[in-house]
Amino acid sequence: MGEVAMKHRCNQHCFSGITLAVLPLILSGCLALPGGTSSPAPTVTPVGDAPTPTEPVLPTATPSPAPTVPLVCDANAILRQVDELLEGRAFEAHYLTMNQQLTLSIWLVDPELDPQATQGNLADNNRRAMQTGLLVFQEVIRQVPCAREVFVNANPMIVDRLYQGWYRDVIPIRAFPETADMTSDELLDAMMGSARGFYRSVPPRIEPQPAAVDACTWPEARAAIAQHFGPERRNAAAYLIIDAPADRASRGEGVLVEVQWDVHTIEEMEEAVILENLNPVAEALSCLWPPVDEVEVFIVDVHGWFAVFGMVPGALIRERELPLPPERVLIRNMYEDEW
């Protein structure tokens, strides 16, 4: 999600409906007999064997085959199916263009990862995190056929129960095998050439500190952000990654929150409107423990095209400088700005 070299509008696929008109065939027949008289009917002497009368054979109507309805794939419908498929797990799912390709992103908590891993079991934790990321996408691709049709890439982001980052990647959807009955080890072996994401090179830094009196947990902060955007804005998400893997080594480690929402008009991409949406986000995160070091913002259009990137320094949130001062918030419009 931190990657921001993404400037591409994705093609839409339109499918026309099929209308089948069935016209019934109506058969009717009439047999007119002449009126009789009182004279006796003449006697007819048959010559040879007369044929045995048979019932007329009417044509049998052959039922027309049912029309084939094309598979109409919609990215938002896929997200709703992912919601149902992963119900009961701590996750976020959304989509946007990454590297100019439409990408399905899934952030997922794996409670079986050891948040206190040491150098001795670091490799085992990394392997499990990668298996978790691959398995969840294998499940989505198998259960939601449209995922292969709509998305080019898969973007797994796996954290432990303390939200410490372990694995994130960008993998071509076509690289996932179509074989359904694969063990996690078989899937891992099959994907080793394609899954080359970021892993932990050092164990997590365990720094237990007493939380502030008014501190809130990530589920509470996340719920407040979701309430702001509302359920009708489906391609919106917020997730927490602590000590992100090696892709952020240049920025240092810390508490990273990534937020995305979609817009429907050009006006919604104006700086003033973006700040109006960021203020409630910052307020929801101001009580988070551990405190936020950085908030990255991804704004996409209705097609998932990455349109605006933003960054809010954690100091503004920790110090509760609200409303956010515009001069200290980075906002880059991908339509207009040069990078």
Protein backbone atom coordinates (compact mmCIF):
# COMPACT_ATOMS: atom_id res chain seq x y z
CA MET A 1 0.00 0.00 0.00
CA GLY A 2 2.87 2.37 0.54
CA GLU A 3 3.82 2.22 -3.13
CA VAL A 4 2.53 5.25 -4.96
CA ALA A 5 3.80 5.04 -8.56
CA MET A 6 0.32 4.37 -9.83
CA LYS A 7 -1.31 6.45 -12.58
CA HIS A 8 -3.65 4.38 -14.71
CA ARG A 9 -7.37 4.27 -15.33
CA CYS A 10 -8.59 0.72 -15.50
CA ASN A 11 -10.75 -0.51 -18.34
CA GLN A 12 -14.34 -1.30 -17.57
CA HIS A 13 -16.00 -4.37 -18.92
CA CYS A 14 -19.56 -4.01 -20.10
CA PHE A 15 -21.73 -6.95 -20.84
CA SER A 16 -25.01 -6.64 -22.71
CA GLY A 17 -28.02 -8.59 -21.53
CA ILE A 18 -29.66 -11.33 -23.52
CA THR A 19 -33.37 -11.19 -24.29
CA LEU A 20 -35.05 -14.32 -25.59
CA ALA A 21 -38.52 -13.96 -27.11
CA VAL A 22 -40.42 -17.21 -27.47
CA LEU A 23 -43.40 -17.09 -29.84
CA PRO A 24 -45.96 -19.87 -29.23
CA LEU A 25 -47.25 -21.94 -32.13
CA ILE A 26 -51.07 -22.27 -32.01
CA LEU A 27 -52.54 -25.18 -33.87
CA SER A 28 -56.27 -25.45 -34.48
CA GLY A 29 -58.32 -27.61 -36.81
CA CYS A 30 -61.97 -27.98 -37.76
CA LEU A 31 -63.82 -30.91 -39.35
CA ALA A 32 -67.15 -29.90 -41.09
CA LEU A 33 -69.70 -32.72 -41.65
CA PRO A 34 -72.67 -32.33 -44.09
CA GLY A 35 -76.14 -32.38 -42.58
CA GLY A 36 -77.97 -35.80 -42.85
CA THR A 37 -81.40 -36.72 -44.41
CA SER A 38 -84.04 -39.28 -43.53
CA SER A 39 -83.02 -41.46 -46.48
CA PRO A 40 -81.04 -44.53 -45.55
CA ALA A 41 -77.34 -44.24 -46.06
CA PRO A 42 -76.00 -46.04 -49.13
CA THR A 43 -74.14 -49.26 -48.57
CA VAL A 44 -70.45 -49.05 -49.46
CA THR A 45 -68.69 -52.26 -50.31
CA PRO A 46 -64.98 -51.97 -49.52
CA VAL A 47 -62.55 -53.10 -52.13
CA GLY A 48 -59.45 -54.74 -50.67
CA ASP A 49 -58.09 -54.10 -47.20
CA ALA A 50 -58.97 -50.64 -45.94
CA PRO A 51 -56.28 -48.94 -43.90
CA THR A 52 -56.81 -48.74 -40.15
CA PRO A 53 -57.52 -45.14 -39.21
CA THR A 54 -54.84 -43.59 -36.96
CA GLU A 55 -54.77 -40.50 -34.77
CA PRO A 56 -53.19 -37.49 -36.46
CA VAL A 57 -49.61 -36.87 -35.31
CA LEU A 58 -49.12 -33.30 -34.17
CA PRO A 59 -45.67 -31.75 -34.18
CA THR A 60 -43.93 -31.94 -30.79
CA ALA A 61 -42.63 -28.61 -29.52
CA THR A 62 -38.92 -28.80 -28.69
CA PRO A 63 -38.08 -26.62 -25.69
CA SER A 64 -35.54 -23.93 -26.48
CA PRO A 65 -32.32 -24.06 -24.46
CA ALA A 66 -32.10 -21.61 -21.58
CA PRO A 67 -30.17 -18.49 -22.51
CA THR A 68 -26.59 -18.29 -21.29
CA VAL A 69 -26.22 -15.27 -19.01
CA PRO A 70 -22.71 -13.83 -19.13
CA LEU A 71 -20.75 -13.44 -15.89
CA VAL A 72 -20.96 -9.77 -15.02
CA CYS A 73 -18.05 -8.87 -12.75
CA ASP A 74 -17.99 -5.82 -10.56
CA ALA A 75 -15.18 -4.84 -8.19
CA ASN A 76 -17.50 -3.64 -5.42
CA ALA A 77 -19.52 -6.84 -5.66
CA ILE A 78 -16.28 -8.79 -5.24
CA LEU A 79 -15.53 -6.83 -2.05
CA ARG A 80 -18.93 -7.77 -0.66
CA GLN A 81 -18.24 -11.43 -1.43
CA VAL A 82 -14.85 -11.15 0.27
CA ASP A 83 -16.61 -9.67 3.31
CA GLU A 84 -18.85 -12.75 3.49
CA LEU A 85 -15.99 -15.17 2.86
CA LEU A 86 -13.72 -13.73 5.56
CA GLU A 87 -16.46 -12.95 8.07
CA GLY A 88 -15.27 -13.53 11.63
CA ARG A 89 -11.65 -12.64 10.89
CA ALA A 90 -9.93 -9.31 11.51
CA PHE A 91 -9.33 -8.00 7.98
CA GLU A 92 -9.73 -5.11 5.56
CA ALA A 93 -10.30 -5.46 1.81
CA HIS A 94 -10.19 -2.75 -0.82
CA TYR A 95 -8.83 -2.13 -4.32
CA LEU A 96 -6.78 0.48 -6.16
CA THR A 97 -4.27 0.74 -8.97
CA MET A 98 -0.73 -0.26 -8.03
CA ASN A 99 2.01 -0.11 -10.62
CA GLN A 100 -0.69 0.93 -13.11
CA GLN A 101 -2.66 -2.27 -12.51
CA LEU A 102 -5.90 -2.83 -10.59
CA THR A 103 -5.00 -4.61 -7.37
CA LEU A 104 -7.05 -6.31 -4.66
CA SER A 105 -5.56 -5.57 -1.23
CA ILE A 106 -6.30 -7.64 1.87
CA TRP A 107 -4.92 -6.73 5.29
CA LEU A 108 -5.34 -9.66 7.68
CA VAL A 109 -4.52 -10.44 11.31
CA ASP A 110 -3.06 -13.93 11.82
CA PRO A 111 -3.50 -14.69 15.55
CA GLU A 112 -1.17 -17.70 15.27
CA LEU A 113 1.88 -15.58 14.45
CA ASP A 114 4.20 -15.17 17.42
CA PRO A 115 4.34 -11.43 18.26
CA GLN A 116 7.33 -12.08 20.53
CA ALA A 117 9.34 -14.04 17.98
CA THR A 118 13.08 -14.14 18.46
CA GLN A 119 15.87 -14.61 15.98
CA GLY A 120 15.51 -18.35 16.57
CA ASN A 121 11.95 -18.60 15.20
CA LEU A 122 11.97 -15.55 12.94
CA ALA A 123 12.15 -17.69 9.77
CA ASP A 124 9.23 -19.87 10.91
CA ASN A 125 7.10 -16.80 11.56
CA ASN A 126 8.01 -15.35 8.18
CA ARG A 127 7.08 -18.61 6.47
CA ARG A 128 3.74 -18.81 8.25
CA ALA A 129 2.93 -15.18 7.44
CA MET A 130 3.62 -15.82 3.76
CA GLN A 131 1.48 -18.98 3.82
CA THR A 132 -1.36 -17.03 5.42
CA GLY A 133 -1.19 -14.33 2.76
CA LEU A 134 -1.13 -16.81 -0.11
CA LEU A 135 -3.87 -19.02 1.35
CA VAL A 136 -6.32 -16.18 1.87
CA PHE A 137 -5.96 -15.08 -1.75
CA GLN A 138 -6.13 -18.65 -2.99
CA GLU A 139 -9.41 -18.98 -1.12
CA VAL A 140 -10.77 -15.73 -2.53
CA ILE A 141 -9.78 -16.60 -6.10
CA ARG A 142 -11.35 -20.06 -5.81
CA GLN A 143 -14.60 -18.89 -4.19
CA VAL A 144 -15.02 -15.64 -6.14
CA PRO A 145 -14.39 -16.38 -9.87
CA CYS A 146 -14.71 -12.72 -10.81
CA ALA A 147 -11.52 -11.94 -8.89
CA ARG A 148 -9.46 -13.37 -11.76
CA GLU A 149 -11.45 -11.36 -14.30
CA VAL A 150 -11.27 -7.95 -12.60
CA PHE A 151 -7.97 -7.77 -10.72
CA VAL A 152 -4.45 -8.04 -12.09
CA ASN A 153 -2.59 -8.28 -8.78
CA ALA A 154 -3.03 -9.52 -5.22
CA ASN A 155 -1.68 -7.42 -2.34
CA PRO A 156 -1.56 -9.43 0.92
CA MET A 157 -0.61 -7.62 4.15
CA ILE A 158 -0.26 -9.91 7.15
CA VAL A 159 0.16 -8.76 10.76
CA ASP A 160 0.18 -10.54 14.12
CA ARG A 161 -2.37 -9.96 16.88
CA LEU A 162 -0.40 -6.89 18.05
CA TYR A 163 -0.61 -5.53 14.48
CA GLN A 164 3.12 -5.95 13.87
CA GLY A 165 3.83 -6.35 10.16
CA TRP A 166 5.23 -9.67 8.92
CA TYR A 167 4.54 -9.98 5.23
CA ARG A 168 3.32 -7.81 2.35
CA ASP A 169 3.56 -8.43 -1.35
CA VAL A 170 2.20 -7.65 -4.81
CA ILE A 171 1.62 -10.86 -6.77
CA PRO A 172 0.07 -11.37 -10.24
CA ILE A 173 -3.33 -13.04 -9.86
CA ARG A 174 -2.50 -15.32 -12.80
CA ALA A 175 0.39 -16.78 -10.78
CA PHE A 176 -2.01 -18.49 -8.36
CA PRO A 177 -2.59 -22.13 -9.38
CA GLU A 178 -6.08 -23.15 -10.38
CA THR A 179 -5.75 -26.45 -8.51
CA ALA A 180 -8.06 -26.27 -5.51
CA ASP A 181 -6.82 -29.15 -3.35
CA MET A 182 -3.36 -27.92 -2.37
CA THR A 183 -1.82 -27.93 1.07
CA SER A 184 -0.28 -24.75 2.43
CA ASP A 185 3.20 -26.17 1.84
CA GLU A 186 2.35 -27.13 -1.75
CA LEU A 187 0.93 -23.68 -2.41
CA LEU A 188 4.01 -22.04 -0.92
CA ASP A 189 6.31 -24.16 -3.07
CA ALA A 190 4.26 -23.42 -6.20
CA MET A 191 4.34 -19.66 -5.54
CA MET A 192 7.97 -19.24 -4.54
CA GLY A 193 8.87 -17.89 -7.97
CA SER A 194 6.11 -15.24 -7.90
CA ALA A 195 5.78 -14.27 -4.24
CA ARG A 196 8.86 -12.23 -3.46
CA GLY A 197 7.48 -9.75 -0.98
CA PHE A 198 8.83 -8.13 2.13
CA TYR A 199 9.50 -10.04 5.32
CA ARG A 200 10.92 -9.26 8.72
CA SER A 201 14.67 -9.23 8.84
CA VAL A 202 14.76 -8.62 12.61
CA PRO A 203 12.44 -9.73 15.42
CA PRO A 204 9.73 -7.33 16.62
CA ARG A 205 10.75 -4.70 19.11
CA ILE A 206 8.87 -5.45 22.30
CA GLU A 207 8.65 -2.24 24.26
CA PRO A 208 5.89 -2.61 26.85
CA GLN A 209 4.74 0.80 28.01
CA PRO A 210 1.76 1.82 30.10
CA ALA A 211 -1.06 3.16 27.94
CA ALA A 212 -2.36 6.65 28.48
CA VAL A 213 -5.48 7.01 30.62
CA ASP A 214 -7.61 8.02 27.65
CA ALA A 215 -5.98 5.58 25.21
CA CYS A 216 -8.05 3.56 22.75
CA THR A 217 -7.40 0.30 20.92
CA TRP A 218 -7.09 -0.15 17.18
CA PRO A 219 -10.55 -1.77 16.81
CA GLU A 220 -12.06 1.29 18.52
CA ALA A 221 -10.17 3.76 16.33
CA ARG A 222 -10.96 1.75 13.21
CA ALA A 223 -14.68 1.67 14.08
CA ALA A 224 -14.72 5.47 14.44
CA ILE A 225 -13.08 5.88 11.01
CA ALA A 226 -15.54 3.44 9.41
CA GLN A 227 -18.45 5.32 10.98
CA HIS A 228 -17.24 8.57 9.44
CA PHE A 229 -17.13 7.19 5.90
CA GLY A 230 -20.32 5.17 6.30
CA PRO A 231 -21.32 1.74 4.96
CA GLU A 232 -22.32 3.06 1.52
CA ARG A 233 -18.70 3.92 0.70
CA ARG A 234 -17.52 0.34 0.20
CA ASN A 235 -14.04 0.93 -1.24
CA ALA A 236 -12.86 2.56 1.98
CA ALA A 237 -10.47 0.99 4.47
CA ALA A 238 -8.17 1.71 7.39
CA TYR A 239 -5.51 -0.57 8.81
CA LEU A 240 -2.58 -0.54 11.19
CA ILE A 241 0.91 -1.89 10.57
CA ILE A 242 3.50 -1.59 13.32
CA ASP A 243 7.16 -1.87 12.37
CA ALA A 244 6.36 -2.50 8.73
CA PRO A 245 8.61 -4.98 6.92
CA ALA A 246 11.74 -4.04 4.99
CA ASP A 247 9.99 -1.99 2.28
CA ARG A 248 9.93 0.92 4.73
CA ALA A 249 13.51 0.65 5.89
CA SER A 250 14.33 3.99 4.28
CA ARG A 251 11.73 5.74 6.42
CA GLY A 252 12.48 3.88 9.62
CA GLU A 253 10.15 1.69 11.59
CA GLY A 254 7.15 2.88 13.53
CA VAL A 255 3.38 2.88 13.86
CA LEU A 256 1.85 3.30 10.40
CA VAL A 257 -1.84 3.76 9.64
CA GLU A 258 -3.03 3.60 6.04
CA VAL A 259 -6.42 5.00 5.09
CA GLN A 260 -8.25 4.83 1.76
CA TRP A 261 -11.56 6.14 0.51
CA ASP A 262 -13.20 6.57 -2.89
CA VAL A 263 -14.60 9.74 -4.46
CA HIS A 264 -17.17 10.31 -7.17
CA THR A 265 -16.51 13.90 -8.21
CA ILE A 266 -13.54 16.14 -8.98
CA GLU A 267 -14.63 18.45 -6.18
CA GLU A 268 -14.06 15.67 -3.63
CA MET A 269 -10.38 15.69 -4.61
CA GLU A 270 -9.90 19.34 -3.66
CA GLU A 271 -7.56 19.94 -0.75
CA ALA A 272 -10.21 21.57 1.45
CA VAL A 273 -12.58 18.61 1.07
CA ILE A 274 -9.77 16.11 1.71
CA LEU A 275 -8.87 17.92 4.93
CA GLU A 276 -12.52 17.83 5.99
CA ASN A 277 -12.34 14.03 5.74
CA LEU A 278 -8.91 13.81 7.37
CA ASN A 279 -9.90 15.74 10.50
CA PRO A 280 -12.29 13.03 11.78
CA VAL A 281 -9.68 10.39 10.90
CA ALA A 282 -7.02 12.25 12.87
CA GLU A 283 -9.38 12.67 15.81
CA ALA A 284 -10.17 8.94 15.83
CA LEU A 285 -6.45 8.14 15.83
CA SER A 286 -5.46 10.71 18.46
CA CYS A 287 -6.16 8.26 21.30
CA LEU A 288 -4.56 5.22 19.66
CA TRP A 289 -2.04 3.22 21.66
CA PRO A 290 0.72 2.82 20.63
CA PRO A 291 0.71 6.38 19.24
CA VAL A 292 0.72 6.97 15.48
CA ASP A 293 3.98 7.88 13.75
CA GLU A 294 2.53 8.43 10.27
CA VAL A 295 -0.75 8.28 8.38
CA GLU A 296 -0.72 7.59 4.66
CA VAL A 297 -3.80 8.47 2.63
CA PHE A 298 -4.92 6.92 -0.65
CA ILE A 299 -7.88 8.41 -2.48
CA VAL A 300 -9.26 6.60 -5.53
CA ASP A 301 -11.95 7.35 -8.07
CA VAL A 302 -15.03 5.21 -8.70
CA HIS A 303 -12.98 2.82 -10.86
CA GLY A 304 -10.24 2.35 -8.27
CA TRP A 305 -7.76 4.58 -10.06
CA PHE A 306 -5.28 6.03 -7.56
CA ALA A 307 -6.02 9.77 -7.69
CA VAL A 308 -4.61 11.47 -4.57
CA PHE A 309 -1.84 10.62 -2.13
CA GLY A 310 -1.58 12.23 1.28
CA MET A 311 0.62 12.01 4.35
CA VAL A 312 -0.08 13.26 7.87
CA PRO A 313 2.82 13.43 10.36
CA GLY A 314 2.12 11.51 13.52
CA ALA A 315 3.10 14.50 15.67
CA LEU A 316 -0.01 16.39 14.52
CA ILE A 317 -2.21 13.51 15.61
CA ARG A 318 -0.42 12.78 18.88
CA GLU A 319 -0.55 16.46 19.83
CA ARG A 320 -4.17 16.67 18.67
CA GLU A 321 -3.66 19.67 16.43
CA LEU A 322 -7.19 19.84 15.06
CA PRO A 323 -8.24 20.96 12.61
CA LEU A 324 -5.12 19.81 10.79
CA PRO A 325 -2.96 22.72 9.56
CA PRO A 326 -2.94 22.48 5.73
CA GLU A 327 0.67 23.61 5.46
CA ARG A 328 1.83 20.56 7.46
CA VAL A 329 -0.21 17.95 5.57
CA LEU A 330 1.18 16.57 2.32
CA ILE A 331 -1.43 16.22 -0.44
CA ARG A 332 -0.49 15.26 -4.01
CA ASN A 333 -3.10 15.11 -6.77
CA MET A 334 -2.03 12.39 -9.20
CA TYR A 335 -3.94 14.10 -12.02
CA GLU A 336 -1.97 17.31 -11.72
CA ASP A 337 1.22 16.99 -9.69
CA GLU A 338 4.56 15.77 -10.93
CA TRP A 339 6.49 13.45 -8.66
